[in-house]
Amino acid sequence: MPYSKESASDDAADASHRSIHALPRPRAIKSNRELANEAGISLRTFYRMRKDTSRCRAQKSAARLTAQILAELGHPELLGTDAHHYFEDFLAEFAVRMAVLHEEAPHAIDVRLARHNARMVVDALQRWQARRAKLYEDMLQQDKTDLFGFRG
């Protein structure tokens, strides 16, 4: 269709119609403070209750999700092991805490730290396991000393 003054005015009318509908609508959702006031609880209690609810929801989803993640990442041998259950609990807690952090300080989350933080968690687990093994060895040594009545 060739360009004419009529089509230009139609385009302007369409643009003005779109701009009216592009305006932000009033919020139908109440703020957390308003919800807490209506319930008669403090904002802090409201956040704690919401966090607990999120944790329960996350825990239910984490079992299924961790199985899928481990399988997709090529580690199906970990399914049903302590590593799987650890990952399940870790993922559920991590999601809840990240949601709270994102709500409180969204700019505090830096993607560049993800690998570093993952290494820190695994290193902490390795250190804990080494301490646990040493404690177990010390307990065995103590049992031998008590059993034979001498220190060796």
C-alpha atoms as a PDB file:
ATOM      1  CA  MET A   1       0.000   0.000   0.000  1.00  0.00           C
ATOM      2  CA  PRO A   2       1.485   3.373  -0.939  1.00  0.00           C
ATOM      3  CA  TYR A   3       2.218   5.837   1.816  1.00  0.00           C
ATOM      4  CA  SER A   4      -0.379   8.609   2.193  1.00  0.00           C
ATOM      5  CA  LYS A   5      -1.504  11.155   4.731  1.00  0.00           C
ATOM      6  CA  GLU A   6      -4.359   8.873   5.757  1.00  0.00           C
ATOM      7  CA  SER A   7      -2.045   5.961   6.486  1.00  0.00           C
ATOM      8  CA  ALA A   8       0.245   8.318   8.432  1.00  0.00           C
ATOM      9  CA  SER A   9      -2.662   9.408  10.638  1.00  0.00           C
ATOM     10  CA  ASP A  10      -3.681   5.727  11.105  1.00  0.00           C
ATOM     11  CA  ASP A  11      -0.124   4.922  12.174  1.00  0.00           C
ATOM     12  CA  ALA A  12      -0.168   7.818  14.640  1.00  0.00           C
ATOM     13  CA  ALA A  13      -3.498   6.637  16.052  1.00  0.00           C
ATOM     14  CA  ASP A  14      -2.158   3.094  16.434  1.00  0.00           C
ATOM     15  CA  ALA A  15       0.979   4.400  18.157  1.00  0.00           C
ATOM     16  CA  SER A  16      -1.019   6.503  20.606  1.00  0.00           C
ATOM     17  CA  HIS A  17      -3.311   3.545  21.309  1.00  0.00           C
ATOM     18  CA  ARG A  18      -0.284   1.313  22.006  1.00  0.00           C
ATOM     19  CA  SER A  19       1.363   3.924  24.231  1.00  0.00           C
ATOM     20  CA  ILE A  20      -1.749   4.197  26.401  1.00  0.00           C
ATOM     21  CA  HIS A  21      -1.719   0.450  26.975  1.00  0.00           C
ATOM     22  CA  ALA A  22       2.027   0.433  27.572  1.00  0.00           C
ATOM     23  CA  LEU A  23       1.633   2.555  30.713  1.00  0.00           C
ATOM     24  CA  PRO A  24       2.223   0.681  33.946  1.00  0.00           C
ATOM     25  CA  ARG A  25      -0.928  -0.569  35.543  1.00  0.00           C
ATOM     26  CA  PRO A  26      -1.649   0.018  39.205  1.00  0.00           C
ATOM     27  CA  ARG A  27      -0.353  -2.774  41.424  1.00  0.00           C
ATOM     28  CA  ALA A  28      -2.991  -5.287  42.315  1.00  0.00           C
ATOM     29  CA  ILE A  29      -0.539  -7.189  44.506  1.00  0.00           C
ATOM     30  CA  LYS A  30      -0.088  -5.965  48.052  1.00  0.00           C
ATOM     31  CA  SER A  31       3.364  -5.291  49.452  1.00  0.00           C
ATOM     32  CA  ASN A  32       4.894  -7.561  52.072  1.00  0.00           C
ATOM     33  CA  ARG A  33       4.384  -4.883  54.702  1.00  0.00           C
ATOM     34  CA  GLU A  34       0.674  -4.606  53.874  1.00  0.00           C
ATOM     35  CA  LEU A  35       0.249  -8.384  54.025  1.00  0.00           C
ATOM     36  CA  ALA A  36       2.022  -8.562  57.389  1.00  0.00           C
ATOM     37  CA  ASN A  37      -0.118  -5.731  58.789  1.00  0.00           C
ATOM     38  CA  GLU A  38      -3.312  -7.446  57.642  1.00  0.00           C
ATOM     39  CA  ALA A  39      -2.216 -10.680  59.296  1.00  0.00           C
ATOM     40  CA  GLY A  40      -1.315  -8.810  62.479  1.00  0.00           C
ATOM     41  CA  ILE A  41       2.306  -9.961  62.511  1.00  0.00           C
ATOM     42  CA  SER A  42       5.597  -8.158  62.255  1.00  0.00           C
ATOM     43  CA  LEU A  43       7.375  -7.879  58.936  1.00  0.00           C
ATOM     44  CA  ARG A  44      10.234  -9.976  60.343  1.00  0.00           C
ATOM     45  CA  THR A  45       7.850 -12.792  61.313  1.00  0.00           C
ATOM     46  CA  PHE A  46       6.227 -12.551  57.895  1.00  0.00           C
ATOM     47  CA  TYR A  47       9.627 -12.979  56.183  1.00  0.00           C
ATOM     48  CA  ARG A  48      10.488 -15.931  58.452  1.00  0.00           C
ATOM     49  CA  MET A  49       7.180 -17.654  57.678  1.00  0.00           C
ATOM     50  CA  ARG A  50       7.652 -17.053  53.957  1.00  0.00           C
ATOM     51  CA  LYS A  51      11.199 -18.392  54.141  1.00  0.00           C
ATOM     52  CA  ASP A  52      10.009 -21.552  55.921  1.00  0.00           C
ATOM     53  CA  THR A  53       7.300 -22.057  53.299  1.00  0.00           C
ATOM     54  CA  SER A  54       9.845 -21.573  50.528  1.00  0.00           C
ATOM     55  CA  ARG A  55      12.187 -24.047  52.207  1.00  0.00           C
ATOM     56  CA  CYS A  56       9.450 -26.720  52.355  1.00  0.00           C
ATOM     57  CA  ARG A  57       8.530 -26.137  48.715  1.00  0.00           C
ATOM     58  CA  ALA A  58      12.179 -26.169  47.676  1.00  0.00           C
ATOM     59  CA  GLN A  59      12.832 -29.393  49.596  1.00  0.00           C
ATOM     60  CA  LYS A  60      10.009 -31.185  47.778  1.00  0.00           C
ATOM     61  CA  SER A  61      11.267 -30.075  44.376  1.00  0.00           C
ATOM     62  CA  ALA A  62      14.948 -30.610  45.156  1.00  0.00           C
ATOM     63  CA  ALA A  63      14.720 -34.420  45.235  1.00  0.00           C
ATOM     64  CA  ARG A  64      13.419 -34.613  41.693  1.00  0.00           C
ATOM     65  CA  LEU A  65      15.621 -31.815  40.396  1.00  0.00           C
ATOM     66  CA  THR A  66      18.872 -33.154  41.830  1.00  0.00           C
ATOM     67  CA  ALA A  67      18.242 -36.552  40.271  1.00  0.00           C
ATOM     68  CA  GLN A  68      17.703 -34.876  36.894  1.00  0.00           C
ATOM     69  CA  ILE A  69      20.730 -32.607  37.304  1.00  0.00           C
ATOM     70  CA  LEU A  70      23.067 -35.451  38.262  1.00  0.00           C
ATOM     71  CA  ALA A  71      21.852 -37.572  35.363  1.00  0.00           C
ATOM     72  CA  GLU A  72      22.088 -34.698  32.858  1.00  0.00           C
ATOM     73  CA  LEU A  73      25.589 -33.732  34.021  1.00  0.00           C
ATOM     74  CA  GLY A  74      26.775 -37.286  33.504  1.00  0.00           C
ATOM     75  CA  HIS A  75      26.971 -38.447  37.129  1.00  0.00           C
ATOM     76  CA  PRO A  76      24.182 -41.038  37.452  1.00  0.00           C
ATOM     77  CA  GLU A  77      26.425 -43.155  39.716  1.00  0.00           C
ATOM     78  CA  LEU A  78      25.819 -40.576  42.469  1.00  0.00           C
ATOM     79  CA  LEU A  79      22.052 -41.175  42.511  1.00  0.00           C
ATOM     80  CA  GLY A  80      20.911 -42.508  45.878  1.00  0.00           C
ATOM     81  CA  THR A  81      24.296 -41.925  47.534  1.00  0.00           C
ATOM     82  CA  ASP A  82      25.171 -39.587  50.382  1.00  0.00           C
ATOM     83  CA  ALA A  83      26.493 -37.155  47.760  1.00  0.00           C
ATOM     84  CA  HIS A  84      23.045 -37.076  46.130  1.00  0.00           C
ATOM     85  CA  HIS A  85      21.282 -36.427  49.433  1.00  0.00           C
ATOM     86  CA  TYR A  86      23.832 -33.762  50.350  1.00  0.00           C
ATOM     87  CA  PHE A  87      23.332 -32.079  46.983  1.00  0.00           C
ATOM     88  CA  GLU A  88      19.557 -32.245  47.450  1.00  0.00           C
ATOM     89  CA  ASP A  89      19.669 -30.524  50.852  1.00  0.00           C
ATOM     90  CA  PHE A  90      22.304 -28.065  49.648  1.00  0.00           C
ATOM     91  CA  LEU A  91      20.298 -27.093  46.575  1.00  0.00           C
ATOM     92  CA  ALA A  92      17.083 -26.555  48.554  1.00  0.00           C
ATOM     93  CA  GLU A  93      18.797 -24.399  51.190  1.00  0.00           C
ATOM     94  CA  PHE A  94      20.819 -22.543  48.559  1.00  0.00           C
ATOM     95  CA  ALA A  95      17.697 -21.634  46.572  1.00  0.00           C
ATOM     96  CA  VAL A  96      15.916 -20.279  49.642  1.00  0.00           C
ATOM     97  CA  ARG A  97      18.897 -18.225  50.778  1.00  0.00           C
ATOM     98  CA  MET A  98      19.573 -16.888  47.270  1.00  0.00           C
ATOM     99  CA  ALA A  99      15.944 -15.773  46.989  1.00  0.00           C
ATOM    100  CA  VAL A 100      16.228 -13.873  50.275  1.00  0.00           C
ATOM    101  CA  LEU A 101      19.566 -12.345  49.238  1.00  0.00           C
ATOM    102  CA  HIS A 102      18.168 -11.361  45.854  1.00  0.00           C
ATOM    103  CA  GLU A 103      15.230  -9.667  47.521  1.00  0.00           C
ATOM    104  CA  GLU A 104      17.385  -7.833  50.081  1.00  0.00           C
ATOM    105  CA  ALA A 105      20.404  -6.963  47.902  1.00  0.00           C
ATOM    106  CA  PRO A 106      20.098  -8.059  44.251  1.00  0.00           C
ATOM    107  CA  HIS A 107      23.443  -6.505  43.309  1.00  0.00           C
ATOM    108  CA  ALA A 108      25.295  -8.624  45.881  1.00  0.00           C
ATOM    109  CA  ILE A 109      25.058 -11.674  43.611  1.00  0.00           C
ATOM    110  CA  ASP A 110      28.114 -11.838  41.359  1.00  0.00           C
ATOM    111  CA  VAL A 111      28.081 -14.632  38.774  1.00  0.00           C
ATOM    112  CA  ARG A 112      31.878 -14.600  38.583  1.00  0.00           C
ATOM    113  CA  LEU A 113      32.061 -16.061  42.104  1.00  0.00           C
ATOM    114  CA  ALA A 114      30.022 -19.197  41.360  1.00  0.00           C
ATOM    115  CA  ARG A 115      32.925 -21.546  40.563  1.00  0.00           C
ATOM    116  CA  HIS A 116      35.040 -20.160  43.386  1.00  0.00           C
ATOM    117  CA  ASN A 117      32.213 -20.696  45.882  1.00  0.00           C
ATOM    118  CA  ALA A 118      31.606 -24.238  44.618  1.00  0.00           C
ATOM    119  CA  ARG A 119      35.315 -25.033  45.124  1.00  0.00           C
ATOM    120  CA  MET A 120      35.176 -23.553  48.626  1.00  0.00           C
ATOM    121  CA  VAL A 121      32.237 -25.774  49.566  1.00  0.00           C
ATOM    122  CA  VAL A 122      33.923 -28.942  48.291  1.00  0.00           C
ATOM    123  CA  ASP A 123      37.231 -27.987  49.957  1.00  0.00           C
ATOM    124  CA  ALA A 124      35.399 -27.445  53.250  1.00  0.00           C
ATOM    125  CA  LEU A 125      33.813 -30.896  52.906  1.00  0.00           C
ATOM    126  CA  GLN A 126      37.232 -32.445  52.281  1.00  0.00           C
ATOM    127  CA  ARG A 127      38.730 -30.712  55.342  1.00  0.00           C
ATOM    128  CA  TRP A 128      35.774 -31.839  57.449  1.00  0.00           C
ATOM    129  CA  GLN A 129      36.184 -35.414  56.213  1.00  0.00           C
ATOM    130  CA  ALA A 130      39.909 -35.361  57.057  1.00  0.00           C
ATOM    131  CA  ARG A 131      39.151 -34.109  60.588  1.00  0.00           C
ATOM    132  CA  ARG A 132      36.474 -36.780  60.982  1.00  0.00           C
ATOM    133  CA  ALA A 133      38.871 -39.514  59.808  1.00  0.00           C
ATOM    134  CA  LYS A 134      41.546 -38.300  62.265  1.00  0.00           C
ATOM    135  CA  LEU A 135      39.023 -38.230  65.104  1.00  0.00           C
ATOM    136  CA  TYR A 136      37.910 -41.754  64.209  1.00  0.00           C
ATOM    137  CA  GLU A 137      41.528 -42.941  64.122  1.00  0.00           C
ATOM    138  CA  ASP A 138      42.186 -41.325  67.518  1.00  0.00           C
ATOM    139  CA  MET A 139      39.113 -43.039  68.940  1.00  0.00           C
ATOM    140  CA  LEU A 140      40.297 -46.410  67.638  1.00  0.00           C
ATOM    141  CA  GLN A 141      43.730 -45.822  69.122  1.00  0.00           C
ATOM    142  CA  GLN A 142      42.168 -44.903  72.471  1.00  0.00           C
ATOM    143  CA  ASP A 143      40.024 -48.074  72.381  1.00  0.00           C
ATOM    144  CA  LYS A 144      43.140 -50.209  71.762  1.00  0.00           C
ATOM    145  CA  THR A 145      44.936 -48.530  74.657  1.00  0.00           C
ATOM    146  CA  ASP A 146      42.001 -49.141  76.972  1.00  0.00           C
ATOM    147  CA  LEU A 147      41.607 -52.732  75.780  1.00  0.00           C
ATOM    148  CA  PHE A 148      45.214 -53.787  76.289  1.00  0.00           C
ATOM    149  CA  GLY A 149      45.903 -51.576  79.286  1.00  0.00           C
ATOM    150  CA  PHE A 150      49.020 -49.937  77.922  1.00  0.00           C
ATOM    151  CA  ARG A 151      49.978 -46.940  75.867  1.00  0.00           C
ATOM    152  CA  GLY A 152      51.741 -47.735  72.701  1.00  0.00           C
END
